[in-house]
Amino acid sequence: MGGRTPHGGAVGGRPVARGAVVGGPPGPGLVRVLLRPVVRTVPWRMIAAGGGLGLLFAAWPRLMGEEANGQAALTALRASALAFALGAGFLLDDPARHTTAAVPTRRALRHALRLALLLPVAALWWTAALLLAPERIRPPVADITVEAATILAIALTGAALAVRRGDSARPGQAVAGFLLGSAILAPLLGPESWALFAGAGDPRWPAAHDRWTVLLCAVLLTGAASATEPVRRRTLGRLMSPSGTSDPSRG
């Protein structure tokens, strides 16, 4: 049962809004209290670096002039989506992770706040990337957007899994390495029948994007499950909290 703080205060070193229920469902007051520190701790520089590089990739066919073709635009947008996802993979990096693990706020809420800050930025950025690709050679917008969303979802899910299963306060570097390695190996090692990286004029394009959609749904489900708190475990006969600290209420 959560306890109410009628006059506000602090729990676990973090301020708690007036009327917030500690351990209960998040209310608007708690969200407002958490929003400012979350905004400060989001690694905007890494996201901006990935986004800036991505826009340079997206602009490449336009710089080629009349020599650009549909395959060049498709490759550029895929590289652009990957660059942004590499930056977004650092979203859950938090140097203060181990000092804030004991706060009563659920991990799902903390992750959701970061995601809520990123998604509008990602949507505006992707719109700009699409507009940089010349219209005459731009691949089908809906299909290439599904690809970009899947790559971004893989990066964010990888970060959530790293936070859930590991102790690192900065999992972004490992996530970026995994994503980059997967992007290089997937076209080489993926089943030929899947044709995930088919060209826009390839007859396999529609079927490939059906598979992209299925992959996106699977990654989103995995990411949602990864944002929950891990089940408490017994270590050396004592019940441990998800952060690894002992629970004084249990023997």
C-alpha atoms as a PDB file:
ATOM      1  CA  MET A   1       0.000   0.000   0.000  1.00  0.00           C
ATOM      2  CA  GLY A   2       1.335   3.396  -0.912  1.00  0.00           C
ATOM      3  CA  GLY A   3       1.390   6.263   1.557  1.00  0.00           C
ATOM      4  CA  ARG A   4       0.099   9.739   0.739  1.00  0.00           C
ATOM      5  CA  THR A   5       2.202  12.835   1.378  1.00  0.00           C
ATOM      6  CA  PRO A   6      -0.389  15.559   2.066  1.00  0.00           C
ATOM      7  CA  HIS A   7       2.110  18.384   2.496  1.00  0.00           C
ATOM      8  CA  GLY A   8       4.747  17.321   0.014  1.00  0.00           C
ATOM      9  CA  GLY A   9       8.236  16.336   1.069  1.00  0.00           C
ATOM     10  CA  ALA A  10      11.019  14.078  -0.093  1.00  0.00           C
ATOM     11  CA  VAL A  11      11.308  10.335  -0.452  1.00  0.00           C
ATOM     12  CA  GLY A  12      14.586   8.643  -1.293  1.00  0.00           C
ATOM     13  CA  GLY A  13      16.262  12.006  -1.830  1.00  0.00           C
ATOM     14  CA  ARG A  14      13.724  13.078  -4.464  1.00  0.00           C
ATOM     15  CA  PRO A  15      10.959  15.672  -3.918  1.00  0.00           C
ATOM     16  CA  VAL A  16       7.442  14.306  -3.822  1.00  0.00           C
ATOM     17  CA  ALA A  17       4.550  16.456  -4.943  1.00  0.00           C
ATOM     18  CA  ARG A  18       1.782  17.438  -2.551  1.00  0.00           C
ATOM     19  CA  GLY A  19      -0.827  14.708  -2.508  1.00  0.00           C
ATOM     20  CA  ALA A  20       1.336  12.206  -4.395  1.00  0.00           C
ATOM     21  CA  VAL A  21       0.850   8.567  -3.478  1.00  0.00           C
ATOM     22  CA  VAL A  22       4.186   6.953  -2.741  1.00  0.00           C
ATOM     23  CA  GLY A  23       4.295   3.609  -4.513  1.00  0.00           C
ATOM     24  CA  GLY A  24       0.836   4.184  -5.968  1.00  0.00           C
ATOM     25  CA  PRO A  25      -0.181   5.054  -9.521  1.00  0.00           C
ATOM     26  CA  PRO A  26       1.583   8.149 -10.897  1.00  0.00           C
ATOM     27  CA  GLY A  27      -0.389  11.386 -10.751  1.00  0.00           C
ATOM     28  CA  PRO A  28       0.084  14.718 -12.539  1.00  0.00           C
ATOM     29  CA  GLY A  29       1.924  16.150  -9.539  1.00  0.00           C
ATOM     30  CA  LEU A  30       4.518  13.400  -9.542  1.00  0.00           C
ATOM     31  CA  VAL A  31       4.994  13.687 -13.293  1.00  0.00           C
ATOM     32  CA  ARG A  32       5.581  17.435 -12.996  1.00  0.00           C
ATOM     33  CA  VAL A  33       8.136  16.896 -10.232  1.00  0.00           C
ATOM     34  CA  LEU A  34      10.032  14.299 -12.258  1.00  0.00           C
ATOM     35  CA  LEU A  35       9.881  16.070 -15.606  1.00  0.00           C
ATOM     36  CA  ARG A  36      12.490  18.760 -14.917  1.00  0.00           C
ATOM     37  CA  PRO A  37      15.272  16.439 -13.661  1.00  0.00           C
ATOM     38  CA  VAL A  38      14.505  13.988 -16.473  1.00  0.00           C
ATOM     39  CA  VAL A  39      14.861  16.736 -19.072  1.00  0.00           C
ATOM     40  CA  ARG A  40      18.261  17.624 -17.599  1.00  0.00           C
ATOM     41  CA  THR A  41      19.541  14.045 -17.608  1.00  0.00           C
ATOM     42  CA  VAL A  42      18.468  13.083 -21.138  1.00  0.00           C
ATOM     43  CA  PRO A  43      21.674  12.864 -23.254  1.00  0.00           C
ATOM     44  CA  TRP A  44      20.574  15.497 -25.779  1.00  0.00           C
ATOM     45  CA  ARG A  45      24.091  15.901 -27.192  1.00  0.00           C
ATOM     46  CA  MET A  46      24.283  12.302 -28.346  1.00  0.00           C
ATOM     47  CA  ILE A  47      20.784  12.460 -29.792  1.00  0.00           C
ATOM     48  CA  ALA A  48      21.630  15.719 -31.579  1.00  0.00           C
ATOM     49  CA  ALA A  49      24.853  14.232 -32.935  1.00  0.00           C
ATOM     50  CA  GLY A  50      23.021  11.218 -34.323  1.00  0.00           C
ATOM     51  CA  GLY A  51      20.259  13.402 -35.728  1.00  0.00           C
ATOM     52  CA  GLY A  52      22.695  15.825 -37.359  1.00  0.00           C
ATOM     53  CA  LEU A  53      24.622  13.001 -39.003  1.00  0.00           C
ATOM     54  CA  GLY A  54      21.337  11.478 -40.133  1.00  0.00           C
ATOM     55  CA  LEU A  55      20.262  14.697 -41.839  1.00  0.00           C
ATOM     56  CA  LEU A  56      23.588  14.828 -43.677  1.00  0.00           C
ATOM     57  CA  PHE A  57      22.944  11.306 -44.967  1.00  0.00           C
ATOM     58  CA  ALA A  58      19.398  12.227 -45.985  1.00  0.00           C
ATOM     59  CA  ALA A  59      20.662  15.244 -47.927  1.00  0.00           C
ATOM     60  CA  TRP A  60      23.229  13.221 -49.855  1.00  0.00           C
ATOM     61  CA  PRO A  61      20.988  12.418 -52.898  1.00  0.00           C
ATOM     62  CA  ARG A  62      19.996  16.082 -53.177  1.00  0.00           C
ATOM     63  CA  LEU A  63      23.689  16.999 -53.310  1.00  0.00           C
ATOM     64  CA  MET A  64      24.187  14.463 -56.112  1.00  0.00           C
ATOM     65  CA  GLY A  65      21.809  16.414 -58.330  1.00  0.00           C
ATOM     66  CA  GLU A  66      20.449  14.695 -61.453  1.00  0.00           C
ATOM     67  CA  GLU A  67      22.692  11.681 -60.901  1.00  0.00           C
ATOM     68  CA  ALA A  68      20.690  10.607 -57.851  1.00  0.00           C
ATOM     69  CA  ASN A  69      18.283   7.712 -58.246  1.00  0.00           C
ATOM     70  CA  GLY A  70      15.730   5.881 -56.130  1.00  0.00           C
ATOM     71  CA  GLN A  71      18.250   3.410 -54.740  1.00  0.00           C
ATOM     72  CA  ALA A  72      20.520   6.245 -53.601  1.00  0.00           C
ATOM     73  CA  ALA A  73      17.619   7.949 -51.818  1.00  0.00           C
ATOM     74  CA  LEU A  74      16.559   4.688 -50.167  1.00  0.00           C
ATOM     75  CA  THR A  75      20.090   3.929 -48.987  1.00  0.00           C
ATOM     76  CA  ALA A  76      20.495   7.484 -47.695  1.00  0.00           C
ATOM     77  CA  LEU A  77      17.251   7.356 -45.688  1.00  0.00           C
ATOM     78  CA  ARG A  78      18.146   3.970 -44.226  1.00  0.00           C
ATOM     79  CA  ALA A  79      21.550   5.312 -43.179  1.00  0.00           C
ATOM     80  CA  SER A  80      19.831   8.396 -41.790  1.00  0.00           C
ATOM     81  CA  ALA A  81      17.448   6.315 -39.679  1.00  0.00           C
ATOM     82  CA  LEU A  82      20.350   4.250 -38.371  1.00  0.00           C
ATOM     83  CA  ALA A  83      22.333   7.367 -37.407  1.00  0.00           C
ATOM     84  CA  PHE A  84      19.434   8.793 -35.399  1.00  0.00           C
ATOM     85  CA  ALA A  85      18.835   5.420 -33.716  1.00  0.00           C
ATOM     86  CA  LEU A  86      22.509   5.243 -32.711  1.00  0.00           C
ATOM     87  CA  GLY A  87      22.111   8.546 -30.882  1.00  0.00           C
ATOM     88  CA  ALA A  88      18.755   7.531 -29.389  1.00  0.00           C
ATOM     89  CA  GLY A  89      20.351   4.365 -28.018  1.00  0.00           C
ATOM     90  CA  PHE A  90      21.886   6.594 -25.322  1.00  0.00           C
ATOM     91  CA  LEU A  91      18.436   7.768 -24.155  1.00  0.00           C
ATOM     92  CA  LEU A  92      18.468   5.741 -20.925  1.00  0.00           C
ATOM     93  CA  ASP A  93      22.031   6.653 -19.946  1.00  0.00           C
ATOM     94  CA  ASP A  94      21.843   8.100 -16.444  1.00  0.00           C
ATOM     95  CA  PRO A  95      24.994   8.702 -14.374  1.00  0.00           C
ATOM     96  CA  ALA A  96      22.816   8.928 -11.247  1.00  0.00           C
ATOM     97  CA  ARG A  97      21.092   5.603 -11.887  1.00  0.00           C
ATOM     98  CA  HIS A  98      22.486   3.849  -8.819  1.00  0.00           C
ATOM     99  CA  THR A  99      21.638   6.720  -6.496  1.00  0.00           C
ATOM    100  CA  THR A 100      18.046   7.018  -7.728  1.00  0.00           C
ATOM    101  CA  ALA A 101      17.215   3.319  -7.980  1.00  0.00           C
ATOM    102  CA  ALA A 102      15.632   3.362  -4.535  1.00  0.00           C
ATOM    103  CA  VAL A 103      13.098   6.105  -5.290  1.00  0.00           C
ATOM    104  CA  PRO A 104       9.446   5.008  -5.150  1.00  0.00           C
ATOM    105  CA  THR A 105       8.811   5.949  -8.793  1.00  0.00           C
ATOM    106  CA  ARG A 106       8.408   2.951 -11.051  1.00  0.00           C
ATOM    107  CA  ARG A 107      10.983   2.369 -13.767  1.00  0.00           C
ATOM    108  CA  ALA A 108       8.215   2.262 -16.377  1.00  0.00           C
ATOM    109  CA  LEU A 109       7.298   5.875 -15.560  1.00  0.00           C
ATOM    110  CA  ARG A 110      10.888   7.085 -15.640  1.00  0.00           C
ATOM    111  CA  HIS A 111      11.415   5.430 -19.025  1.00  0.00           C
ATOM    112  CA  ALA A 112       8.076   6.695 -20.320  1.00  0.00           C
ATOM    113  CA  LEU A 113       9.011  10.285 -19.492  1.00  0.00           C
ATOM    114  CA  ARG A 114      12.242  10.016 -21.440  1.00  0.00           C
ATOM    115  CA  LEU A 115      10.417   8.398 -24.342  1.00  0.00           C
ATOM    116  CA  ALA A 116       7.743  11.100 -24.300  1.00  0.00           C
ATOM    117  CA  LEU A 117      10.482  13.714 -24.632  1.00  0.00           C
ATOM    118  CA  LEU A 118      12.189  11.868 -27.487  1.00  0.00           C
ATOM    119  CA  LEU A 119       9.231  10.955 -29.709  1.00  0.00           C
ATOM    120  CA  PRO A 120       8.199  14.486 -30.775  1.00  0.00           C
ATOM    121  CA  VAL A 121      11.840  15.248 -31.568  1.00  0.00           C
ATOM    122  CA  ALA A 122      12.104  12.012 -33.570  1.00  0.00           C
ATOM    123  CA  ALA A 123       8.919  12.780 -35.514  1.00  0.00           C
ATOM    124  CA  LEU A 124      10.090  16.293 -36.462  1.00  0.00           C
ATOM    125  CA  TRP A 125      13.538  15.011 -37.341  1.00  0.00           C
ATOM    126  CA  TRP A 126      12.204  12.222 -39.575  1.00  0.00           C
ATOM    127  CA  THR A 127       9.894  14.662 -41.357  1.00  0.00           C
ATOM    128  CA  ALA A 128      12.919  16.837 -42.125  1.00  0.00           C
ATOM    129  CA  ALA A 129      14.887  13.809 -43.336  1.00  0.00           C
ATOM    130  CA  LEU A 130      12.075  12.812 -45.714  1.00  0.00           C
ATOM    131  CA  LEU A 131      11.805  16.348 -47.082  1.00  0.00           C
ATOM    132  CA  LEU A 132      15.544  16.408 -47.767  1.00  0.00           C
ATOM    133  CA  ALA A 133      15.153  13.417 -50.084  1.00  0.00           C
ATOM    134  CA  PRO A 134      14.128  14.684 -53.563  1.00  0.00           C
ATOM    135  CA  GLU A 135      10.461  13.967 -54.158  1.00  0.00           C
ATOM    136  CA  ARG A 136      11.013  12.403 -57.584  1.00  0.00           C
ATOM    137  CA  ILE A 137      13.157   9.609 -56.137  1.00  0.00           C
ATOM    138  CA  ARG A 138      11.767   9.413 -52.600  1.00  0.00           C
ATOM    139  CA  PRO A 139      10.815   5.821 -51.623  1.00  0.00           C
ATOM    140  CA  PRO A 140       7.255   5.083 -50.398  1.00  0.00           C
ATOM    141  CA  VAL A 141       6.999   7.209 -47.263  1.00  0.00           C
ATOM    142  CA  ALA A 142       4.858   4.834 -45.186  1.00  0.00           C
ATOM    143  CA  ASP A 143       7.101   1.845 -45.847  1.00  0.00           C
ATOM    144  CA  ILE A 144      10.403   3.578 -45.206  1.00  0.00           C
ATOM    145  CA  THR A 145       8.900   5.112 -42.052  1.00  0.00           C
ATOM    146  CA  VAL A 146       8.100   1.610 -40.778  1.00  0.00           C
ATOM    147  CA  GLU A 147      11.747   0.691 -41.320  1.00  0.00           C
ATOM    148  CA  ALA A 148      12.943   3.793 -39.466  1.00  0.00           C
ATOM    149  CA  ALA A 149      10.515   3.195 -36.595  1.00  0.00           C
ATOM    150  CA  THR A 150      11.693  -0.414 -36.280  1.00  0.00           C
ATOM    151  CA  ILE A 151      15.352   0.586 -36.140  1.00  0.00           C
ATOM    152  CA  LEU A 152      14.605   3.205 -33.502  1.00  0.00           C
ATOM    153  CA  ALA A 153      12.515   0.718 -31.511  1.00  0.00           C
ATOM    154  CA  ILE A 154      15.367  -1.803 -31.592  1.00  0.00           C
ATOM    155  CA  ALA A 155      17.757   0.822 -30.196  1.00  0.00           C
ATOM    156  CA  LEU A 156      15.390   1.845 -27.398  1.00  0.00           C
ATOM    157  CA  THR A 157      14.483  -1.746 -26.537  1.00  0.00           C
ATOM    158  CA  GLY A 158      18.162  -2.659 -26.426  1.00  0.00           C
ATOM    159  CA  ALA A 159      18.739   0.180 -23.966  1.00  0.00           C
ATOM    160  CA  ALA A 160      15.789  -0.935 -21.823  1.00  0.00           C
ATOM    161  CA  LEU A 161      17.068  -4.521 -21.777  1.00  0.00           C
ATOM    162  CA  ALA A 162      20.562  -3.344 -20.837  1.00  0.00           C
ATOM    163  CA  VAL A 163      19.165  -1.325 -17.926  1.00  0.00           C
ATOM    164  CA  ARG A 164      16.966  -4.210 -16.766  1.00  0.00           C
ATOM    165  CA  ARG A 165      19.642  -6.909 -16.932  1.00  0.00           C
ATOM    166  CA  GLY A 166      22.833  -4.988 -16.210  1.00  0.00           C
ATOM    167  CA  ASP A 167      24.314  -2.567 -13.703  1.00  0.00           C
ATOM    168  CA  SER A 168      25.838  -0.058 -16.102  1.00  0.00           C
ATOM    169  CA  ALA A 169      24.663   3.528 -15.726  1.00  0.00           C
ATOM    170  CA  ARG A 170      25.657   4.201 -19.340  1.00  0.00           C
ATOM    171  CA  PRO A 171      24.484   1.317 -21.539  1.00  0.00           C
ATOM    172  CA  GLY A 172      24.279   3.510 -24.641  1.00  0.00           C
ATOM    173  CA  GLN A 173      27.729   2.705 -25.965  1.00  0.00           C
ATOM    174  CA  ALA A 174      27.089  -1.037 -25.898  1.00  0.00           C
ATOM    175  CA  VAL A 175      23.654  -0.558 -27.458  1.00  0.00           C
ATOM    176  CA  ALA A 176      25.115   1.568 -30.260  1.00  0.00           C
ATOM    177  CA  GLY A 177      27.799  -1.036 -30.928  1.00  0.00           C
ATOM    178  CA  PHE A 178      25.209  -3.805 -31.082  1.00  0.00           C
ATOM    179  CA  LEU A 179      22.961  -1.796 -33.390  1.00  0.00           C
ATOM    180  CA  LEU A 180      25.783  -0.861 -35.742  1.00  0.00           C
ATOM    181  CA  GLY A 181      27.030  -4.450 -35.874  1.00  0.00           C
ATOM    182  CA  SER A 182      23.511  -5.729 -36.549  1.00  0.00           C
ATOM    183  CA  ALA A 183      23.032  -3.190 -39.343  1.00  0.00           C
ATOM    184  CA  ILE A 184      26.189  -4.428 -41.028  1.00  0.00           C
ATOM    185  CA  LEU A 185      25.545  -8.145 -40.572  1.00  0.00           C
ATOM    186  CA  ALA A 186      21.772  -8.304 -41.095  1.00  0.00           C
ATOM    187  CA  PRO A 187      21.864  -7.786 -44.885  1.00  0.00           C
ATOM    188  CA  LEU A 188      24.650 -10.374 -45.154  1.00  0.00           C
ATOM    189  CA  LEU A 189      23.343 -13.055 -42.792  1.00  0.00           C
ATOM    190  CA  GLY A 190      19.573 -12.554 -42.993  1.00  0.00           C
ATOM    191  CA  PRO A 191      17.534 -15.196 -44.859  1.00  0.00           C
ATOM    192  CA  GLU A 192      17.311 -14.347 -48.546  1.00  0.00           C
ATOM    193  CA  SER A 193      13.599 -15.127 -48.523  1.00  0.00           C
ATOM    194  CA  TRP A 194      12.946 -12.326 -46.005  1.00  0.00           C
ATOM    195  CA  ALA A 195      14.347  -9.636 -48.330  1.00  0.00           C
ATOM    196  CA  LEU A 196      14.072  -7.018 -45.583  1.00  0.00           C
ATOM    197  CA  PHE A 197      16.368  -4.685 -47.500  1.00  0.00           C
ATOM    198  CA  ALA A 198      14.672  -4.984 -50.888  1.00  0.00           C
ATOM    199  CA  GLY A 199      14.790  -2.032 -53.252  1.00  0.00           C
ATOM    200  CA  ALA A 200      11.729   0.115 -53.889  1.00  0.00           C
ATOM    201  CA  GLY A 201      11.260  -1.412 -57.347  1.00  0.00           C
ATOM    202  CA  ASP A 202      11.720  -4.990 -56.142  1.00  0.00           C
ATOM    203  CA  PRO A 203       8.601  -7.193 -56.376  1.00  0.00           C
ATOM    204  CA  ARG A 204       9.408  -8.395 -52.852  1.00  0.00           C
ATOM    205  CA  TRP A 205       9.041  -4.874 -51.424  1.00  0.00           C
ATOM    206  CA  PRO A 206       5.426  -5.268 -50.121  1.00  0.00           C
ATOM    207  CA  ALA A 207       6.144  -8.635 -48.458  1.00  0.00           C
ATOM    208  CA  ALA A 208       9.351  -7.282 -46.965  1.00  0.00           C
ATOM    209  CA  HIS A 209       7.466  -4.457 -45.290  1.00  0.00           C
ATOM    210  CA  ASP A 210       4.872  -6.815 -43.933  1.00  0.00           C
ATOM    211  CA  ARG A 211       7.800  -8.463 -42.165  1.00  0.00           C
ATOM    212  CA  TRP A 212       9.111  -5.074 -41.029  1.00  0.00           C
ATOM    213  CA  THR A 213       5.710  -4.396 -39.470  1.00  0.00           C
ATOM    214  CA  VAL A 214       5.693  -7.742 -37.655  1.00  0.00           C
ATOM    215  CA  LEU A 215       9.237  -7.098 -36.434  1.00  0.00           C
ATOM    216  CA  LEU A 216       8.234  -3.650 -35.196  1.00  0.00           C
ATOM    217  CA  CYS A 217       5.327  -5.076 -33.191  1.00  0.00           C
ATOM    218  CA  ALA A 218       7.549  -7.763 -31.655  1.00  0.00           C
ATOM    219  CA  VAL A 219      10.209  -5.227 -30.679  1.00  0.00           C
ATOM    220  CA  LEU A 220       7.636  -2.886 -29.143  1.00  0.00           C
ATOM    221  CA  LEU A 221       6.199  -5.709 -27.028  1.00  0.00           C
ATOM    222  CA  THR A 222       9.687  -6.672 -25.878  1.00  0.00           C
ATOM    223  CA  GLY A 223      10.472  -3.057 -25.041  1.00  0.00           C
ATOM    224  CA  ALA A 224       7.282  -2.670 -23.017  1.00  0.00           C
ATOM    225  CA  ALA A 225       8.112  -5.798 -21.020  1.00  0.00           C
ATOM    226  CA  SER A 226      11.694  -4.588 -20.471  1.00  0.00           C
ATOM    227  CA  ALA A 227      10.524  -1.356 -18.863  1.00  0.00           C
ATOM    228  CA  THR A 228       8.961  -3.161 -15.905  1.00  0.00           C
ATOM    229  CA  GLU A 229      10.761  -3.806 -12.654  1.00  0.00           C
ATOM    230  CA  PRO A 230      12.524  -7.203 -12.478  1.00  0.00           C
ATOM    231  CA  VAL A 231      11.090  -9.768 -10.096  1.00  0.00           C
ATOM    232  CA  ARG A 232      12.689  -9.555  -6.678  1.00  0.00           C
ATOM    233  CA  ARG A 233      15.225 -12.241  -6.086  1.00  0.00           C
ATOM    234  CA  ARG A 234      16.817 -13.875  -3.072  1.00  0.00           C
ATOM    235  CA  THR A 235      20.545 -13.428  -2.764  1.00  0.00           C
ATOM    236  CA  LEU A 236      22.448 -15.025   0.115  1.00  0.00           C
ATOM    237  CA  GLY A 237      19.164 -15.696   1.910  1.00  0.00           C
ATOM    238  CA  ARG A 238      18.025 -12.056   1.902  1.00  0.00           C
ATOM    239  CA  LEU A 239      15.329 -10.562  -0.291  1.00  0.00           C
ATOM    240  CA  MET A 240      16.897  -8.021  -2.625  1.00  0.00           C
ATOM    241  CA  SER A 241      15.256  -5.076  -4.321  1.00  0.00           C
ATOM    242  CA  PRO A 242      15.528  -4.578  -8.094  1.00  0.00           C
ATOM    243  CA  SER A 243      18.393  -2.141  -7.516  1.00  0.00           C
ATOM    244  CA  GLY A 244      20.333  -4.769  -5.582  1.00  0.00           C
ATOM    245  CA  THR A 245      19.860  -3.255  -2.146  1.00  0.00           C
ATOM    246  CA  SER A 246      18.479  -5.372   0.658  1.00  0.00           C
ATOM    247  CA  ASP A 247      14.853  -4.953   1.664  1.00  0.00           C
ATOM    248  CA  PRO A 248      14.831  -4.202   5.386  1.00  0.00           C
ATOM    249  CA  SER A 249      11.207  -5.312   5.697  1.00  0.00           C
ATOM    250  CA  ARG A 250      12.143  -8.927   4.959  1.00  0.00           C
ATOM    251  CA  GLY A 251      14.483 -11.261   6.700  1.00  0.00           C
END
